[in-house]
C-alpha atoms as a PDB file:
ATOM      1  CA  MET A   1     107.703  94.788  90.912  1.00  0.00           C
ATOM      2  CA  ARG A   2     108.817  94.657  94.735  1.00  0.00           C
ATOM      3  CA  ARG A   3     106.250  97.106  95.803  1.00  0.00           C
ATOM      4  CA  ALA A   4     103.328  94.967  94.204  1.00  0.00           C
ATOM      5  CA  ASP A   5     105.083  91.866  95.330  1.00  0.00           C
ATOM      6  CA  ALA A   6     105.314  93.329  99.275  1.00  0.00           C
ATOM      7  CA  PHE A   7     101.639  94.418  98.862  1.00  0.00           C
ATOM      8  CA  ALA A   8     100.424  91.193  97.654  1.00  0.00           C
ATOM      9  CA  GLU A   9     102.313  89.710 100.787  1.00  0.00           C
ATOM     10  CA  ARG A  10     100.469  91.837 103.033  1.00  0.00           C
ATOM     11  CA  VAL A  11      96.966  91.534 101.637  1.00  0.00           C
ATOM     12  CA  GLY A  12      97.279  87.839 100.329  1.00  0.00           C
ATOM     13  CA  PRO A  13      96.432  85.993 103.601  1.00  0.00           C
ATOM     14  CA  THR A  14      93.270  88.001 104.117  1.00  0.00           C
ATOM     15  CA  ILE A  15      92.184  87.049 100.537  1.00  0.00           C
ATOM     16  CA  GLU A  16      93.420  83.417 100.973  1.00  0.00           C
ATOM     17  CA  ALA A  17      91.158  83.381 104.016  1.00  0.00           C
ATOM     18  CA  MET A  18      88.081  84.739 102.228  1.00  0.00           C
ATOM     19  CA  GLN A  19      88.811  82.168  99.441  1.00  0.00           C
ATOM     20  CA  ALA A  20      88.662  79.280 102.125  1.00  0.00           C
ATOM     21  CA  GLN A  21      85.553  80.525 103.065  1.00  0.00           C
ATOM     22  CA  GLY A  22      84.205  79.807  99.416  1.00  0.00           C
ATOM     23  CA  LEU A  23      83.823  83.438  98.399  1.00  0.00           C
ATOM     24  CA  SER A  24      83.934  84.308  94.817  1.00  0.00           C
ATOM     25  CA  LEU A  25      86.688  86.847  93.416  1.00  0.00           C
ATOM     26  CA  GLY A  26      84.083  89.544  92.949  1.00  0.00           C
ATOM     27  CA  ALA A  27      82.707  88.604  96.657  1.00  0.00           C
ATOM     28  CA  ILE A  28      86.348  89.015  97.901  1.00  0.00           C
ATOM     29  CA  ALA A  29      86.563  92.409  96.148  1.00  0.00           C
ATOM     30  CA  GLU A  30      83.194  93.553  97.717  1.00  0.00           C
ATOM     31  CA  GLN A  31      84.594  92.652 101.361  1.00  0.00           C
ATOM     32  CA  LEU A  32      87.840  94.594 100.710  1.00  0.00           C
ATOM     33  CA  ASN A  33      85.960  97.374  99.721  1.00  0.00           C
ATOM     34  CA  GLU A  34      83.576  97.242 102.677  1.00  0.00           C
ATOM     35  CA  ARG A  35      86.465  96.855 105.004  1.00  0.00           C
ATOM     36  CA  GLN A  36      88.154  99.747 103.367  1.00  0.00           C
ATOM     37  CA  ILE A  37      91.224  97.961 102.320  1.00  0.00           C
ATOM     38  CA  ARG A  38      92.470  99.520  99.361  1.00  0.00           C
ATOM     39  CA  THR A  39      94.585  98.146  96.413  1.00  0.00           C
ATOM     40  CA  ALA A  40      98.225  99.055  96.189  1.00  0.00           C
ATOM     41  CA  ARG A  41      97.381 102.180  94.030  1.00  0.00           C
ATOM     42  CA  GLY A  42      94.876 103.338  96.552  1.00  0.00           C
ATOM     43  CA  GLY A  43      91.763 102.611  94.563  1.00  0.00           C
ATOM     44  CA  ARG A  44      88.831 100.022  95.236  1.00  0.00           C
ATOM     45  CA  TRP A  45      88.999  96.523  94.425  1.00  0.00           C
ATOM     46  CA  ALA A  46      87.534  94.550  91.431  1.00  0.00           C
ATOM     47  CA  ALA A  47      87.766  90.721  91.004  1.00  0.00           C
ATOM     48  CA  MET A  48      90.657  90.985  88.353  1.00  0.00           C
ATOM     49  CA  SER A  49      92.584  92.920  90.989  1.00  0.00           C
ATOM     50  CA  VAL A  50      91.708  90.169  93.502  1.00  0.00           C
ATOM     51  CA  LYS A  51      92.791  87.565  90.742  1.00  0.00           C
ATOM     52  CA  ARG A  52      96.194  89.388  90.105  1.00  0.00           C
ATOM     53  CA  VAL A  53      97.278  89.377  93.987  1.00  0.00           C
ATOM     54  CA  ILE A  54      96.536  85.474  94.005  1.00  0.00           C
ATOM     55  CA  GLU A  55      98.259  85.105  90.783  1.00  0.00           C
ATOM     56  CA  ARG A  56     101.384  87.098  92.119  1.00  0.00           C
ATOM     57  CA  ARG A  57     101.581  85.132  95.338  1.00  0.00           C
ATOM     58  CA  ALA A  58     101.248  82.004  93.501  1.00  0.00           C
ATOM     59  CA  ALA A  59     104.269  82.764  91.134  1.00  0.00           C
ATOM     60  CA  HIS A  60     106.558  83.393  94.213  1.00  0.00           C
END
């Protein structure tokens, strides 16, 4: 879990900034993919992946 927590801390501020702009989870995922920012496992973002990062950051 530490790796996932560390990843969430790195990418979280970017996601939060996009949320503050009013982007939906799906739109955030699209933006991350366009910027070639990969998930913790090196894959492409989906709305659920974005949601999980937000939830992980909120839990800590």
